Amino acid sequence: MRKLLLVAAGLFIAIQARGEVTAVEVLAGEWNRTECLVHFPLPAFKNQTLGLQARGGKVLPLQVDAAGMATFILPSLAKGKTKLFELIVFDSAKKGGVMAERKEEKLRFSFGGKTLMEYQAEPGALPREDIKKVFTRGGYLHPVFTPAGKLVTDDFPVQHTHHHGIWFPWTKTVFEGRHPDFWNAGAGTGSVGFVKLEKSWSGAVHGGLVARHRFVDLTAKPKPKVALEETWEVRVYALTGGKKPRLIFDLISTQTCAGKSPLLMPQYRYGGLGVRGNRAWDHNEANPTLFLTANGVSDRRAGHATRARWCWMGGRVKGALAGIAILGHPGNFRAPQPMRIHPGEPFFNFAPQQFGPMAIRPEKNFVSRYRFVVTDGAPNASEIHRFWTDYAHPPTVHTIEL
């Protein structure tokens, strides 16, 4: 532990006295790892940014959140191999990172001075005069850009005004005998609204947010009634990939019954996580929406109503290909989840409701996890599958105490 002593003698003494972690060992497991996100508990260093250094290697920023979960980006590790990193003091100010900044009704994430994406918190102004107030909405992600600045999402599209970048409503539901539709806002029977931005943060490895949303049954009498409370946790990671950078971010949605009544969902073709693509791809034969699923299916009609671990959606933006891959976690309900792929529009939906009735009940939270990989250029199936493997089967980490 000589390097730790030389770099930060004070920290070394504190660790030595408390018998706390001084090094971590990472095990690749059954897969080759390249620029892999690694997470492990490190509660002794909550809300700190430290560093990890393998012998002869560069210092890697290690960000520990308020819950004591540490995250870093592992450059490479071959299948079956292990690597030992020493824990050291790290000046995160020199490294930069992901910045989260409130801009009126939005929370903007940037890296190296470039905007990566925004979270729409409170509803903003409607973009067109012909849009009815019932379509007003907050609590979604838009815009989302590739590392080269190409827009891959859309908001308030003409054909489906209720579509909003990346959002999470349910469509066909039964709540206390009524039938609120939280997806088709124009029906006026259900709404999903922003409640509160609980917190946001910037960091050397990731920036993020925790926000609360509320599903309201507008058909209840004598007044609307809350059906679900939802919490979003979003983490936006520092760009990696060298000459071919990519934006990676995670979304965890936790939905809870607001009272004693469950939300029932009969079988239906769509509902759940939705992603609306750039309007330049909308019903455009010269520049169609392109899809590729984990099953190797690129025909949008053949991909619809099938199950897949991930799906890439993209097209040309200002003459160059760009797209977004949506990765479903294997722990999600009915994973790999069935998909709704629109036959003509730039729209994708992981729809667990598609394969049979389901319900969210008071005794159990409904947790959904997704990872998004945004890139410039054509999709690389083997690379996207590697991202999914790292997400679904991350490396094992052992902490080592002095």
Protein backbone atom coordinates (compact mmCIF):
# COMPACT_ATOMS: atom_id res chain seq x y z
CA MET A 1 0.00 0.00 0.00
CA ARG A 2 2.98 2.30 -0.54
CA LYS A 3 1.24 4.44 -3.20
CA LEU A 4 -1.65 5.18 -0.90
CA LEU A 5 0.79 6.29 1.78
CA LEU A 6 2.71 8.57 -0.59
CA VAL A 7 -0.35 10.13 -2.18
CA ALA A 8 -2.38 10.72 0.95
CA ALA A 9 -0.73 9.87 4.21
CA GLY A 10 -3.60 11.29 6.23
CA LEU A 11 -6.14 9.13 4.46
CA PHE A 12 -3.89 6.10 4.85
CA ILE A 13 -3.67 6.59 8.60
CA ALA A 14 -7.46 6.93 8.88
CA ILE A 15 -8.03 3.78 6.83
CA GLN A 16 -5.39 1.89 8.78
CA ALA A 17 -6.97 2.86 12.07
CA ARG A 18 -10.50 1.90 11.00
CA GLY A 19 -9.63 -1.24 9.06
CA GLU A 20 -11.43 -0.01 5.95
CA VAL A 21 -11.12 -0.78 2.26
CA THR A 22 -7.76 0.04 0.64
CA ALA A 23 -8.07 -1.91 -2.62
CA VAL A 24 -10.61 -3.62 -4.87
CA GLU A 25 -10.29 -6.73 -7.00
CA VAL A 26 -12.37 -6.95 -10.19
CA LEU A 27 -13.23 -10.32 -11.76
CA ALA A 28 -14.24 -10.27 -15.42
CA GLY A 29 -16.18 -13.54 -15.20
CA GLU A 30 -17.24 -15.27 -18.42
CA TRP A 31 -17.02 -12.23 -20.69
CA ASN A 32 -14.42 -9.87 -22.10
CA ARG A 33 -14.90 -6.39 -20.67
CA THR A 34 -14.25 -3.14 -22.52
CA GLU A 35 -15.12 0.24 -21.02
CA CYS A 36 -17.51 -1.50 -18.67
CA LEU A 37 -19.52 0.25 -15.97
CA VAL A 38 -18.73 -1.34 -12.61
CA HIS A 39 -20.74 -0.81 -9.42
CA PHE A 40 -20.03 -2.02 -5.88
CA PRO A 41 -20.82 -0.92 -2.30
CA LEU A 42 -18.29 1.31 -0.56
CA PRO A 43 -20.27 2.82 2.34
CA ALA A 44 -17.27 4.24 4.21
CA PHE A 45 -16.81 6.88 1.46
CA LYS A 46 -20.32 8.18 0.80
CA ASN A 47 -20.55 11.29 -1.41
CA GLN A 48 -16.85 11.21 -2.28
CA THR A 49 -14.81 10.91 -5.46
CA LEU A 50 -11.69 8.82 -5.04
CA GLY A 51 -9.47 7.04 -7.52
CA LEU A 52 -8.48 3.51 -8.49
CA GLN A 53 -5.09 2.62 -9.90
CA ALA A 54 -3.74 -0.70 -11.08
CA ARG A 55 0.03 -1.18 -11.06
CA GLY A 56 1.52 0.96 -13.82
CA GLY A 57 -1.91 2.19 -14.97
CA LYS A 58 -3.62 5.54 -15.00
CA VAL A 59 -5.85 6.73 -12.19
CA LEU A 60 -9.54 6.01 -12.80
CA PRO A 61 -12.15 8.20 -11.09
CA LEU A 62 -14.31 6.34 -8.57
CA GLN A 63 -17.55 8.09 -7.64
CA VAL A 64 -19.39 7.06 -4.46
CA ASP A 65 -23.00 8.19 -4.16
CA ALA A 66 -25.05 9.14 -1.10
CA ALA A 67 -26.11 5.52 -0.60
CA GLY A 68 -22.49 4.34 -0.60
CA MET A 69 -22.57 2.75 -4.07
CA ALA A 70 -19.28 3.21 -5.94
CA THR A 71 -19.06 3.42 -9.74
CA PHE A 72 -16.13 3.49 -12.14
CA ILE A 73 -15.46 2.69 -15.80
CA LEU A 74 -13.24 -0.36 -16.30
CA PRO A 75 -11.11 0.19 -19.47
CA SER A 76 -10.57 -3.50 -20.27
CA LEU A 77 -10.32 -6.93 -18.69
CA ALA A 78 -10.15 -10.23 -20.51
CA LYS A 79 -12.53 -13.12 -19.86
CA GLY A 80 -11.56 -15.09 -16.76
CA LYS A 81 -9.00 -12.50 -15.62
CA THR A 82 -8.82 -10.39 -12.49
CA LYS A 83 -7.32 -6.99 -11.79
CA LEU A 84 -6.32 -5.37 -8.51
CA PHE A 85 -6.76 -1.63 -8.01
CA GLU A 86 -5.46 0.46 -5.13
CA LEU A 87 -7.78 3.06 -3.62
CA ILE A 88 -6.22 6.53 -3.70
CA VAL A 89 -7.06 10.18 -3.30
CA PHE A 90 -8.24 11.73 -6.55
CA ASP A 91 -8.68 15.36 -7.60
CA SER A 92 -11.96 15.13 -9.51
CA ALA A 93 -11.86 18.83 -10.40
CA LYS A 94 -9.02 18.18 -12.84
CA LYS A 95 -10.90 15.37 -14.55
CA GLY A 96 -14.18 17.10 -15.35
CA GLY A 97 -17.23 14.90 -15.65
CA VAL A 98 -20.96 14.99 -16.18
CA MET A 99 -22.60 18.27 -15.20
CA ALA A 100 -26.27 18.59 -14.20
CA GLU A 101 -27.68 22.12 -14.33
CA ARG A 102 -31.21 23.39 -13.79
CA LYS A 103 -32.48 25.51 -16.70
CA GLU A 104 -35.99 26.75 -15.91
CA GLU A 105 -38.30 23.70 -16.27
CA LYS A 106 -35.48 21.43 -17.43
CA LEU A 107 -32.46 19.69 -15.94
CA ARG A 108 -29.63 19.69 -18.48
CA PHE A 109 -26.79 17.15 -18.55
CA SER A 110 -23.54 18.03 -20.30
CA PHE A 111 -20.04 16.66 -20.71
CA GLY A 112 -17.06 18.66 -21.92
CA GLY A 113 -19.31 21.64 -22.59
CA LYS A 114 -21.68 19.66 -24.87
CA THR A 115 -25.31 19.05 -23.99
CA LEU A 116 -26.05 15.32 -23.79
CA MET A 117 -29.72 15.31 -22.82
CA GLU A 118 -32.38 17.04 -20.75
CA TYR A 119 -35.06 16.01 -18.29
CA GLN A 120 -38.32 17.91 -18.63
CA ALA A 121 -39.43 18.47 -15.03
CA GLU A 122 -42.34 20.93 -14.80
CA PRO A 123 -44.35 21.19 -18.04
CA GLY A 124 -42.98 23.73 -20.49
CA ALA A 125 -44.83 25.88 -23.03
CA LEU A 126 -46.75 23.97 -25.68
CA PRO A 127 -44.80 24.12 -28.98
CA ARG A 128 -47.82 24.76 -31.25
CA GLU A 129 -50.96 26.84 -30.85
CA ASP A 130 -53.21 24.00 -32.03
CA ILE A 131 -52.25 21.71 -29.10
CA LYS A 132 -54.91 21.45 -26.41
CA LYS A 133 -53.93 22.04 -22.78
CA VAL A 134 -54.85 18.45 -21.93
CA PHE A 135 -51.60 17.40 -23.64
CA THR A 136 -49.45 19.44 -21.23
CA ARG A 137 -46.87 17.12 -19.72
CA GLY A 138 -43.70 17.02 -17.64
CA GLY A 139 -41.58 14.19 -16.25
CA TYR A 140 -39.78 12.82 -19.32
CA LEU A 141 -36.43 12.87 -21.12
CA HIS A 142 -36.01 15.06 -24.22
CA PRO A 143 -33.96 16.08 -26.09
CA VAL A 144 -31.37 13.30 -26.24
CA PHE A 145 -28.30 13.84 -28.44
CA THR A 146 -25.55 11.63 -29.80
CA PRO A 147 -21.94 12.54 -28.88
CA ALA A 148 -21.73 14.38 -32.24
CA GLY A 149 -24.81 16.42 -31.35
CA LYS A 150 -27.41 14.59 -33.49
CA LEU A 151 -30.93 14.62 -32.05
CA VAL A 152 -32.45 11.13 -31.64
CA THR A 153 -35.73 11.91 -29.80
CA ASP A 154 -38.84 13.98 -30.50
CA ASP A 155 -41.51 15.76 -28.48
CA PHE A 156 -45.19 16.55 -29.28
CA PRO A 157 -45.08 14.96 -32.80
CA VAL A 158 -48.00 15.91 -35.02
CA GLN A 159 -49.50 12.40 -35.43
CA HIS A 160 -49.09 11.48 -31.77
CA THR A 161 -48.99 14.65 -29.72
CA HIS A 162 -48.93 12.62 -26.51
CA HIS A 163 -45.48 11.11 -27.32
CA HIS A 164 -42.61 12.66 -25.36
CA GLY A 165 -39.01 11.58 -25.93
CA ILE A 166 -38.55 8.84 -23.34
CA TRP A 167 -41.58 8.49 -21.08
CA PHE A 168 -43.43 5.76 -19.13
CA PRO A 169 -47.27 5.64 -19.16
CA TRP A 170 -49.72 2.71 -19.18
CA THR A 171 -52.50 2.52 -21.76
CA LYS A 172 -55.34 0.07 -21.10
CA THR A 173 -55.99 -0.08 -17.35
CA VAL A 174 -58.66 -0.84 -14.78
CA PHE A 175 -58.63 1.11 -11.53
CA GLU A 176 -61.47 0.64 -9.04
CA GLY A 177 -63.71 -0.40 -11.93
CA ARG A 178 -62.87 2.66 -14.02
CA HIS A 179 -60.67 2.76 -17.13
CA PRO A 180 -58.14 5.61 -17.03
CA ASP A 181 -55.76 5.81 -20.01
CA PHE A 182 -52.46 7.31 -18.92
CA TRP A 183 -50.94 7.05 -22.42
CA ASN A 184 -53.44 8.78 -24.72
CA ALA A 185 -53.58 12.13 -22.96
CA GLY A 186 -56.11 13.51 -25.43
CA ALA A 187 -58.78 11.18 -24.04
CA GLY A 188 -58.67 13.13 -20.79
CA THR A 189 -59.20 10.05 -18.62
CA GLY A 190 -55.75 9.78 -17.05
CA SER A 191 -52.62 11.85 -16.61
CA VAL A 192 -49.01 11.40 -15.56
CA GLY A 193 -47.55 14.50 -13.99
CA PHE A 194 -44.28 15.73 -12.58
CA VAL A 195 -44.39 16.16 -8.78
CA LYS A 196 -40.93 16.99 -7.53
CA LEU A 197 -37.24 16.89 -8.38
CA GLU A 198 -35.95 15.20 -5.24
CA LYS A 199 -32.28 15.72 -6.07
CA SER A 200 -29.76 16.04 -8.86
CA TRP A 201 -25.98 15.77 -8.96
CA SER A 202 -22.87 16.17 -11.08
CA GLY A 203 -19.82 13.93 -10.91
CA ALA A 204 -16.60 12.63 -12.40
CA VAL A 205 -18.26 9.35 -13.46
CA HIS A 206 -21.96 10.20 -13.60
CA GLY A 207 -24.52 12.91 -13.11
CA GLY A 208 -28.13 12.15 -12.35
CA LEU A 209 -31.48 12.86 -10.82
CA VAL A 210 -34.22 11.43 -8.65
CA ALA A 211 -37.71 12.69 -9.46
CA ARG A 212 -41.28 11.86 -8.49
CA HIS A 213 -44.24 11.49 -10.87
CA ARG A 214 -47.92 10.79 -10.21
CA PHE A 215 -50.51 8.77 -12.20
CA VAL A 216 -53.94 10.35 -11.72
CA ASP A 217 -57.31 8.82 -12.61
CA LEU A 218 -59.26 11.76 -14.02
CA THR A 219 -62.51 9.77 -14.28
CA ALA A 220 -62.89 9.31 -10.50
CA LYS A 221 -65.78 11.15 -8.84
CA PRO A 222 -66.27 13.54 -7.18
CA LYS A 223 -62.61 14.40 -7.83
CA PRO A 224 -59.57 12.84 -9.58
CA LYS A 225 -57.78 10.12 -7.62
CA VAL A 226 -54.11 9.17 -7.56
CA ALA A 227 -53.56 5.59 -8.73
CA LEU A 228 -49.76 5.31 -8.77
CA GLU A 229 -46.77 7.13 -7.35
CA GLU A 230 -43.61 6.80 -9.42
CA THR A 231 -39.94 7.53 -8.72
CA TRP A 232 -37.40 7.90 -11.50
CA GLU A 233 -33.67 7.55 -10.97
CA VAL A 234 -31.60 8.56 -13.99
CA ARG A 235 -27.81 8.25 -14.22
CA VAL A 236 -25.92 9.79 -17.13
CA TYR A 237 -22.38 8.48 -17.51
CA ALA A 238 -19.21 10.15 -18.73
CA LEU A 239 -18.64 9.63 -22.44
CA THR A 240 -16.37 6.74 -23.37
CA GLY A 241 -15.27 5.17 -26.63
CA GLY A 242 -12.32 7.31 -27.70
CA LYS A 243 -12.70 8.22 -31.37
CA LYS A 244 -16.17 6.62 -31.42
CA PRO A 245 -17.75 7.97 -28.23
CA ARG A 246 -21.13 6.90 -26.94
CA LEU A 247 -23.62 8.27 -24.45
CA ILE A 248 -24.84 5.74 -21.88
CA PHE A 249 -27.53 6.42 -19.31
CA ASP A 250 -29.69 4.31 -17.00
CA LEU A 251 -33.33 4.72 -16.02
CA ILE A 252 -34.93 2.98 -13.04
CA SER A 253 -38.70 3.45 -12.66
CA THR A 254 -40.28 2.41 -9.35
CA GLN A 255 -44.08 2.48 -9.38
CA THR A 256 -46.12 2.08 -6.19
CA CYS A 257 -49.86 1.94 -5.58
CA ALA A 258 -51.01 5.20 -4.01
CA GLY A 259 -53.56 3.44 -1.82
CA LYS A 260 -55.10 0.02 -1.25
CA SER A 261 -56.41 -0.40 -4.80
CA PRO A 262 -54.32 -2.19 -7.46
CA LEU A 263 -53.86 -0.98 -11.02
CA LEU A 264 -54.99 -3.79 -13.32
CA MET A 265 -53.79 -3.99 -16.90
CA PRO A 266 -55.58 -6.30 -19.35
CA GLN A 267 -53.60 -7.62 -22.30
CA TYR A 268 -52.88 -4.85 -24.82
CA ARG A 269 -50.43 -4.25 -27.65
CA TYR A 270 -48.59 -1.31 -26.04
CA GLY A 271 -47.96 0.45 -22.74
CA GLY A 272 -44.90 0.98 -20.52
CA LEU A 273 -41.56 2.48 -21.51
CA GLY A 274 -41.88 4.46 -24.74
CA VAL A 275 -39.20 6.02 -26.95
CA ARG A 276 -40.09 8.50 -29.71
CA GLY A 277 -37.44 8.98 -32.39
CA ASN A 278 -36.44 11.99 -34.46
CA ARG A 279 -39.28 13.34 -36.62
CA ALA A 280 -36.98 13.29 -39.66
CA TRP A 281 -37.62 9.51 -39.77
CA ASP A 282 -41.41 9.79 -39.56
CA HIS A 283 -43.14 8.06 -42.52
CA ASN A 284 -40.15 9.02 -44.66
CA GLU A 285 -39.37 6.53 -47.44
CA ALA A 286 -36.15 8.36 -48.28
CA ASN A 287 -35.06 8.41 -44.64
CA PRO A 288 -37.01 5.67 -42.84
CA THR A 289 -36.77 4.70 -39.20
CA LEU A 290 -34.33 1.80 -38.96
CA PHE A 291 -34.57 -0.94 -36.36
CA LEU A 292 -32.36 -3.80 -35.24
CA THR A 293 -33.26 -6.18 -32.43
CA ALA A 294 -31.07 -8.48 -30.34
CA ASN A 295 -32.53 -11.35 -32.38
CA GLY A 296 -30.99 -9.93 -35.55
CA VAL A 297 -34.34 -8.71 -36.92
CA SER A 298 -34.23 -5.46 -38.91
CA ASP A 299 -37.71 -5.65 -40.45
CA ARG A 300 -39.93 -3.53 -38.22
CA ARG A 301 -43.07 -5.56 -38.88
CA ALA A 302 -41.30 -8.83 -38.17
CA GLY A 303 -39.82 -7.40 -34.97
CA HIS A 304 -43.15 -6.19 -33.58
CA ALA A 305 -44.71 -8.43 -30.89
CA THR A 306 -41.50 -10.41 -30.41
CA ARG A 307 -39.29 -10.48 -27.33
CA ALA A 308 -35.72 -9.21 -27.31
CA ARG A 309 -33.03 -8.16 -24.87
CA TRP A 310 -32.46 -4.91 -26.75
CA CYS A 311 -33.57 -2.91 -29.75
CA TRP A 312 -31.75 -0.19 -31.69
CA MET A 313 -33.75 2.55 -33.42
CA GLY A 314 -32.23 5.19 -35.67
CA GLY A 315 -31.97 6.90 -39.02
CA ARG A 316 -30.22 9.75 -40.79
CA VAL A 317 -29.93 13.11 -39.04
CA LYS A 318 -28.54 15.86 -41.24
CA GLY A 319 -27.12 13.27 -43.62
CA ALA A 320 -25.46 10.97 -41.08
CA LEU A 321 -26.72 7.87 -39.29
CA ALA A 322 -27.49 8.13 -35.59
CA GLY A 323 -29.47 6.03 -33.18
CA ILE A 324 -30.37 4.86 -29.71
CA ALA A 325 -30.26 1.32 -28.33
CA ILE A 326 -32.74 0.46 -25.58
CA LEU A 327 -31.55 -2.37 -23.32
CA GLY A 328 -33.92 -4.21 -21.00
CA HIS A 329 -32.65 -5.59 -17.71
CA PRO A 330 -33.17 -9.36 -17.23
CA GLY A 331 -34.80 -8.65 -13.86
CA ASN A 332 -37.68 -6.76 -15.48
CA PHE A 333 -41.18 -8.26 -15.47
CA ARG A 334 -41.54 -10.76 -18.35
CA ALA A 335 -37.96 -10.20 -19.51
CA PRO A 336 -36.99 -10.26 -22.27
CA GLN A 337 -39.98 -8.03 -22.70
CA PRO A 338 -42.20 -8.00 -25.81
CA MET A 339 -41.88 -5.00 -28.09
CA ARG A 340 -44.20 -2.62 -29.86
CA ILE A 341 -42.46 -1.40 -33.04
CA HIS A 342 -44.60 1.03 -35.01
CA PRO A 343 -45.04 0.10 -38.71
CA GLY A 344 -44.44 3.62 -40.02
CA GLU A 345 -43.41 6.02 -37.26
CA PRO A 346 -40.17 6.37 -35.29
CA PHE A 347 -41.53 4.73 -32.16
CA PHE A 348 -40.44 1.88 -29.87
CA ASN A 349 -42.03 0.47 -26.73
CA PHE A 350 -41.08 -2.33 -24.34
CA ALA A 351 -44.62 -3.57 -23.58
CA PRO A 352 -44.90 -6.34 -20.94
CA GLN A 353 -48.70 -5.96 -21.10
CA GLN A 354 -48.58 -7.29 -24.66
CA PHE A 355 -48.20 -10.94 -23.59
CA GLY A 356 -51.05 -11.11 -21.10
CA PRO A 357 -52.80 -9.30 -18.24
CA MET A 358 -50.72 -7.92 -15.39
CA ALA A 359 -51.17 -5.78 -12.30
CA ILE A 360 -49.38 -3.43 -9.94
CA ARG A 361 -50.52 -4.27 -6.41
CA PRO A 362 -50.15 -2.46 -3.06
CA GLU A 363 -47.97 -5.14 -1.50
CA LYS A 364 -45.17 -4.91 -4.08
CA ASN A 365 -43.35 -2.13 -5.96
CA PHE A 366 -43.15 -2.46 -9.74
CA VAL A 367 -39.51 -1.80 -10.68
CA SER A 368 -38.33 -1.45 -14.28
CA ARG A 369 -34.70 -0.98 -15.33
CA TYR A 370 -33.39 0.13 -18.72
CA ARG A 371 -30.06 1.20 -20.13
CA PHE A 372 -29.72 3.42 -23.20
CA VAL A 373 -26.71 3.61 -25.53
CA VAL A 374 -26.70 6.55 -27.94
CA THR A 375 -24.22 6.52 -30.83
CA ASP A 376 -23.35 8.04 -34.16
CA GLY A 377 -23.14 5.73 -37.17
CA ALA A 378 -24.72 2.39 -38.02
CA PRO A 379 -25.60 -0.04 -35.22
CA ASN A 380 -22.99 -2.61 -34.24
CA ALA A 381 -24.88 -5.67 -33.00
CA SER A 382 -21.92 -7.33 -31.31
CA GLU A 383 -21.04 -4.11 -29.49
CA ILE A 384 -24.63 -3.53 -28.33
CA HIS A 385 -24.78 -7.12 -27.10
CA ARG A 386 -21.57 -6.49 -25.14
CA PHE A 387 -23.22 -3.45 -23.53
CA TRP A 388 -26.21 -5.61 -22.62
CA THR A 389 -23.99 -8.35 -21.15
CA ASP A 390 -22.14 -5.81 -18.99
CA TYR A 391 -25.50 -4.48 -17.83
CA ALA A 392 -27.10 -7.87 -17.17
CA HIS A 393 -24.00 -9.69 -15.90
CA PRO A 394 -21.60 -7.11 -14.46
CA PRO A 395 -18.13 -7.98 -13.20
CA THR A 396 -17.74 -9.21 -9.63
CA VAL A 397 -15.91 -6.92 -7.21
CA HIS A 398 -14.17 -7.90 -3.96
CA THR A 399 -13.14 -5.16 -1.57
CA ILE A 400 -9.90 -5.66 0.35
CA GLU A 401 -9.32 -4.30 3.83
CA LEU A 402 -5.96 -3.44 5.35
